[in-house]
C-alpha atoms as a PDB file:
ATOM      1  CA  MET A   1     -48.225 -37.093 -61.790  1.00  0.00           C
ATOM      2  CA  ASN A   2     -50.789 -39.024 -63.842  1.00  0.00           C
ATOM      3  CA  ALA A   3     -50.425 -42.135 -66.140  1.00  0.00           C
ATOM      4  CA  ARG A   4     -51.018 -41.712 -69.783  1.00  0.00           C
ATOM      5  CA  ALA A   5     -50.909 -43.994 -72.767  1.00  0.00           C
ATOM      6  CA  ALA A   6     -47.418 -44.216 -74.238  1.00  0.00           C
ATOM      7  CA  THR A   7     -46.734 -43.165 -77.831  1.00  0.00           C
ATOM      8  CA  VAL A   8     -44.153 -44.434 -80.120  1.00  0.00           C
ATOM      9  CA  ASP A   9     -42.064 -41.456 -79.193  1.00  0.00           C
ATOM     10  CA  ASP A  10     -41.769 -42.915 -75.775  1.00  0.00           C
ATOM     11  CA  ALA A  11     -40.210 -46.202 -77.078  1.00  0.00           C
ATOM     12  CA  GLY A  12     -36.699 -45.444 -76.014  1.00  0.00           C
ATOM     13  CA  GLU A  13     -37.647 -44.457 -72.542  1.00  0.00           C
ATOM     14  CA  VAL A  14     -39.997 -47.436 -72.122  1.00  0.00           C
ATOM     15  CA  VAL A  15     -36.925 -49.623 -73.006  1.00  0.00           C
ATOM     16  CA  ARG A  16     -34.737 -47.716 -70.675  1.00  0.00           C
ATOM     17  CA  LEU A  17     -37.161 -48.368 -67.812  1.00  0.00           C
ATOM     18  CA  GLY A  18     -37.431 -52.070 -68.903  1.00  0.00           C
ATOM     19  CA  ALA A  19     -33.715 -52.241 -68.574  1.00  0.00           C
ATOM     20  CA  LEU A  20     -33.843 -50.811 -65.105  1.00  0.00           C
ATOM     21  CA  MET A  21     -36.345 -53.518 -64.292  1.00  0.00           C
ATOM     22  CA  PHE A  22     -34.152 -56.195 -65.568  1.00  0.00           C
ATOM     23  CA  ALA A  23     -30.985 -54.863 -63.867  1.00  0.00           C
ATOM     24  CA  SER A  24     -32.943 -54.784 -60.578  1.00  0.00           C
ATOM     25  CA  MET A  25     -33.388 -58.576 -61.094  1.00  0.00           C
ATOM     26  CA  GLY A  26     -29.664 -59.047 -61.476  1.00  0.00           C
ATOM     27  CA  MET A  27     -29.723 -59.540 -65.347  1.00  0.00           C
ATOM     28  CA  ASP A  28     -27.051 -58.106 -67.591  1.00  0.00           C
ATOM     29  CA  VAL A  29     -28.754 -55.461 -69.690  1.00  0.00           C
ATOM     30  CA  SER A  30     -25.708 -54.596 -71.823  1.00  0.00           C
ATOM     31  CA  GLY A  31     -25.958 -55.201 -75.510  1.00  0.00           C
ATOM     32  CA  ASP A  32     -27.940 -53.474 -78.274  1.00  0.00           C
ATOM     33  CA  GLU A  33     -29.904 -56.444 -79.777  1.00  0.00           C
ATOM     34  CA  TRP A  34     -32.622 -56.564 -77.119  1.00  0.00           C
ATOM     35  CA  THR A  35     -32.972 -52.811 -76.792  1.00  0.00           C
ATOM     36  CA  SER A  36     -33.300 -52.253 -80.511  1.00  0.00           C
ATOM     37  CA  ASN A  37     -35.766 -55.047 -80.692  1.00  0.00           C
ATOM     38  CA  GLY A  38     -37.622 -53.531 -77.762  1.00  0.00           C
ATOM     39  CA  ARG A  39     -37.984 -50.125 -79.406  1.00  0.00           C
ATOM     40  CA  ARG A  40     -38.979 -51.866 -82.710  1.00  0.00           C
ATOM     41  CA  HIS A  41     -41.737 -53.814 -80.941  1.00  0.00           C
ATOM     42  CA  VAL A  42     -43.106 -50.746 -79.288  1.00  0.00           C
ATOM     43  CA  HIS A  43     -43.124 -49.047 -82.730  1.00  0.00           C
ATOM     44  CA  GLU A  44     -44.857 -51.901 -84.460  1.00  0.00           C
ATOM     45  CA  ARG A  45     -47.255 -53.209 -81.840  1.00  0.00           C
ATOM     46  CA  LEU A  46     -48.283 -50.289 -79.641  1.00  0.00           C
ATOM     47  CA  GLY A  47     -52.168 -49.890 -79.835  1.00  0.00           C
ATOM     48  CA  ALA A  48     -52.489 -53.353 -81.307  1.00  0.00           C
ATOM     49  CA  ASP A  49     -51.564 -56.188 -79.082  1.00  0.00           C
ATOM     50  CA  LEU A  50     -49.240 -53.990 -76.812  1.00  0.00           C
ATOM     51  CA  GLY A  51     -50.394 -51.561 -74.195  1.00  0.00           C
ATOM     52  CA  VAL A  52     -47.957 -49.301 -72.403  1.00  0.00           C
ATOM     53  CA  PHE A  53     -48.785 -46.783 -69.904  1.00  0.00           C
ATOM     54  CA  VAL A  54     -46.257 -44.192 -68.453  1.00  0.00           C
ATOM     55  CA  VAL A  55     -45.715 -41.241 -66.250  1.00  0.00           C
ATOM     56  CA  ASP A  56     -43.730 -38.340 -67.350  1.00  0.00           C
ATOM     57  CA  HIS A  57     -40.896 -36.757 -65.406  1.00  0.00           C
ATOM     58  CA  PRO A  58     -42.147 -33.694 -63.737  1.00  0.00           C
ATOM     59  CA  THR A  59     -39.346 -31.414 -64.906  1.00  0.00           C
ATOM     60  CA  GLN A  60     -37.565 -33.195 -67.770  1.00  0.00           C
ATOM     61  CA  PRO A  61     -39.555 -33.206 -70.939  1.00  0.00           C
ATOM     62  CA  GLY A  62     -39.196 -36.421 -72.889  1.00  0.00           C
ATOM     63  CA  ARG A  63     -38.093 -38.432 -69.783  1.00  0.00           C
ATOM     64  CA  LEU A  64     -40.289 -41.003 -68.071  1.00  0.00           C
ATOM     65  CA  VAL A  65     -40.336 -42.029 -64.398  1.00  0.00           C
ATOM     66  CA  ALA A  66     -42.631 -45.067 -64.573  1.00  0.00           C
ATOM     67  CA  SER A  67     -44.060 -47.444 -67.079  1.00  0.00           C
ATOM     68  CA  ALA A  68     -46.102 -50.619 -67.269  1.00  0.00           C
ATOM     69  CA  ALA A  69     -46.435 -52.680 -70.532  1.00  0.00           C
ATOM     70  CA  GLY A  70     -48.556 -55.662 -71.313  1.00  0.00           C
ATOM     71  CA  THR A  71     -49.550 -57.794 -74.295  1.00  0.00           C
ATOM     72  CA  LEU A  72     -52.686 -59.528 -75.481  1.00  0.00           C
ATOM     73  CA  ALA A  73     -52.842 -62.950 -76.660  1.00  0.00           C
ATOM     74  CA  THR A  74     -55.670 -65.110 -78.035  1.00  0.00           C
ATOM     75  CA  ARG A  75     -55.688 -68.544 -76.550  1.00  0.00           C
ATOM     76  CA  LEU A  76     -58.110 -71.344 -76.979  1.00  0.00           C
ATOM     77  CA  PRO A  77     -61.393 -70.642 -75.137  1.00  0.00           C
ATOM     78  CA  THR A  78     -62.004 -72.190 -71.780  1.00  0.00           C
ATOM     79  CA  LEU A  79     -64.854 -72.461 -69.353  1.00  0.00           C
ATOM     80  CA  VAL A  80     -63.653 -69.505 -67.453  1.00  0.00           C
ATOM     81  CA  ASN A  81     -62.404 -67.566 -70.448  1.00  0.00           C
ATOM     82  CA  PRO A  82     -64.825 -68.254 -73.301  1.00  0.00           C
ATOM     83  CA  SER A  83     -63.261 -65.556 -75.569  1.00  0.00           C
ATOM     84  CA  GLY A  84     -59.763 -66.843 -75.034  1.00  0.00           C
ATOM     85  CA  VAL A  85     -58.401 -63.294 -74.708  1.00  0.00           C
ATOM     86  CA  ALA A  86     -55.590 -63.098 -72.230  1.00  0.00           C
ATOM     87  CA  GLY A  87     -53.236 -60.547 -71.029  1.00  0.00           C
ATOM     88  CA  TYR A  88     -49.709 -60.704 -69.901  1.00  0.00           C
ATOM     89  CA  VAL A  89     -47.966 -57.973 -67.824  1.00  0.00           C
ATOM     90  CA  GLN A  90     -44.289 -57.743 -68.941  1.00  0.00           C
ATOM     91  CA  TRP A  91     -42.359 -54.523 -68.080  1.00  0.00           C
ATOM     92  CA  VAL A  92     -43.229 -52.599 -65.032  1.00  0.00           C
ATOM     93  CA  CYS A  93     -40.656 -50.218 -63.524  1.00  0.00           C
ATOM     94  CA  THR A  94     -40.522 -46.919 -61.616  1.00  0.00           C
ATOM     95  CA  ASP A  95     -37.403 -44.919 -61.708  1.00  0.00           C
ATOM     96  CA  PRO A  96     -35.589 -45.341 -58.301  1.00  0.00           C
ATOM     97  CA  ASP A  97     -35.727 -41.634 -57.644  1.00  0.00           C
ATOM     98  CA  HIS A  98     -39.583 -41.641 -57.904  1.00  0.00           C
ATOM     99  CA  GLN A  99     -40.449 -44.887 -56.177  1.00  0.00           C
ATOM    100  CA  GLN A 100     -42.946 -45.016 -53.226  1.00  0.00           C
ATOM    101  CA  GLN A 101     -45.125 -42.385 -54.791  1.00  0.00           C
ATOM    102  CA  GLY A 102     -48.018 -44.561 -56.116  1.00  0.00           C
ATOM    103  CA  LEU A 103     -46.688 -44.444 -59.624  1.00  0.00           C
ATOM    104  CA  GLY A 104     -46.338 -48.111 -60.065  1.00  0.00           C
ATOM    105  CA  ARG A 105     -49.986 -48.464 -58.981  1.00  0.00           C
ATOM    106  CA  ALA A 106     -51.083 -45.643 -61.517  1.00  0.00           C
ATOM    107  CA  VAL A 107     -49.382 -47.231 -64.418  1.00  0.00           C
ATOM    108  CA  MET A 108     -50.654 -50.724 -63.491  1.00  0.00           C
ATOM    109  CA  SER A 109     -54.296 -49.459 -62.988  1.00  0.00           C
ATOM    110  CA  ALA A 110     -54.057 -47.852 -66.349  1.00  0.00           C
ATOM    111  CA  LEU A 111     -52.750 -51.063 -67.886  1.00  0.00           C
ATOM    112  CA  LEU A 112     -55.500 -53.201 -66.232  1.00  0.00           C
ATOM    113  CA  ALA A 113     -58.168 -50.833 -67.562  1.00  0.00           C
ATOM    114  CA  TRP A 114     -56.661 -51.416 -71.138  1.00  0.00           C
ATOM    115  CA  PHE A 115     -56.937 -55.158 -70.538  1.00  0.00           C
ATOM    116  CA  ASP A 116     -60.571 -54.692 -69.365  1.00  0.00           C
ATOM    117  CA  GLU A 117     -61.452 -52.687 -72.499  1.00  0.00           C
ATOM    118  CA  ARG A 118     -60.231 -55.505 -74.574  1.00  0.00           C
ATOM    119  CA  ALA A 119     -62.061 -58.248 -72.541  1.00  0.00           C
ATOM    120  CA  ALA A 120     -58.878 -59.988 -71.273  1.00  0.00           C
ATOM    121  CA  VAL A 121     -60.337 -61.943 -68.274  1.00  0.00           C
ATOM    122  CA  ALA A 122     -57.205 -63.836 -67.638  1.00  0.00           C
ATOM    123  CA  ILE A 123     -54.063 -61.541 -66.910  1.00  0.00           C
ATOM    124  CA  GLU A 124     -50.817 -62.986 -65.689  1.00  0.00           C
ATOM    125  CA  LEU A 125     -47.548 -61.572 -64.531  1.00  0.00           C
ATOM    126  CA  HIS A 126     -44.263 -62.578 -62.900  1.00  0.00           C
ATOM    127  CA  SER A 127     -43.328 -60.619 -59.881  1.00  0.00           C
ATOM    128  CA  THR A 128     -40.094 -59.581 -58.125  1.00  0.00           C
ATOM    129  CA  PRO A 129     -40.280 -59.828 -54.192  1.00  0.00           C
ATOM    130  CA  VAL A 130     -40.264 -56.002 -54.177  1.00  0.00           C
ATOM    131  CA  ALA A 131     -43.353 -55.588 -56.326  1.00  0.00           C
ATOM    132  CA  GLU A 132     -45.225 -58.553 -55.052  1.00  0.00           C
ATOM    133  CA  SER A 133     -47.259 -56.607 -52.260  1.00  0.00           C
ATOM    134  CA  LEU A 134     -48.427 -54.160 -55.087  1.00  0.00           C
ATOM    135  CA  TYR A 135     -49.722 -56.936 -57.239  1.00  0.00           C
ATOM    136  CA  LEU A 136     -51.440 -58.835 -54.523  1.00  0.00           C
ATOM    137  CA  SER A 137     -53.128 -55.479 -53.441  1.00  0.00           C
ATOM    138  CA  MET A 138     -54.497 -55.190 -56.940  1.00  0.00           C
ATOM    139  CA  GLY A 139     -56.004 -58.551 -56.965  1.00  0.00           C
ATOM    140  CA  PHE A 140     -53.384 -60.839 -58.426  1.00  0.00           C
ATOM    141  CA  SER A 141     -52.871 -64.142 -56.645  1.00  0.00           C
ATOM    142  CA  ASP A 142     -51.306 -67.510 -57.194  1.00  0.00           C
ATOM    143  CA  GLU A 143     -54.541 -69.353 -56.760  1.00  0.00           C
ATOM    144  CA  GLY A 144     -55.863 -71.674 -59.451  1.00  0.00           C
ATOM    145  CA  PRO A 145     -54.060 -74.064 -61.713  1.00  0.00           C
ATOM    146  CA  ARG A 146     -50.381 -74.343 -61.121  1.00  0.00           C
ATOM    147  CA  ALA A 147     -48.316 -72.686 -63.859  1.00  0.00           C
ATOM    148  CA  LEU A 148     -45.173 -74.546 -65.180  1.00  0.00           C
ATOM    149  CA  ARG A 149     -42.813 -73.534 -67.751  1.00  0.00           C
ATOM    150  CA  ILE A 150     -39.768 -74.655 -69.701  1.00  0.00           C
ATOM    151  CA  ARG A 151     -36.955 -72.167 -70.370  1.00  0.00           C
ATOM    152  CA  ARG A 152     -34.748 -73.027 -73.398  1.00  0.00           C
ATOM    153  CA  TRP A 153     -31.932 -70.514 -73.077  1.00  0.00           C
END
């Protein structure tokens, strides 16, 4: 099973996998507002500042078994990122029935190549403990300046 670029027709399945990711983190994924907004964002932003890569279910057309989504942002330039182009990995999920088959790595590799094509030299993500070993094996680390944040929800 190979990763491919998502299309707007995949929006519902991409959001479904995003919901699985959030649920695995203990979040309440009920409610229509975030899912309808998620589908709208995929429709409006895919191919612009949003890259999504997916793996199709082997026997169920229209169903996805893995996805990785990331966004581009333009920040102020720095000495290590003179263009200011940065990437953020947001939704990565493999359907539980298809885990441990290399699909997470496949969609992440495709997403990282997409970031490379767009000269995003700084790429960030937040990881669950389950996925941390995958990301570390792909070159992510917590070295460098400490990242702090405020959450206002």
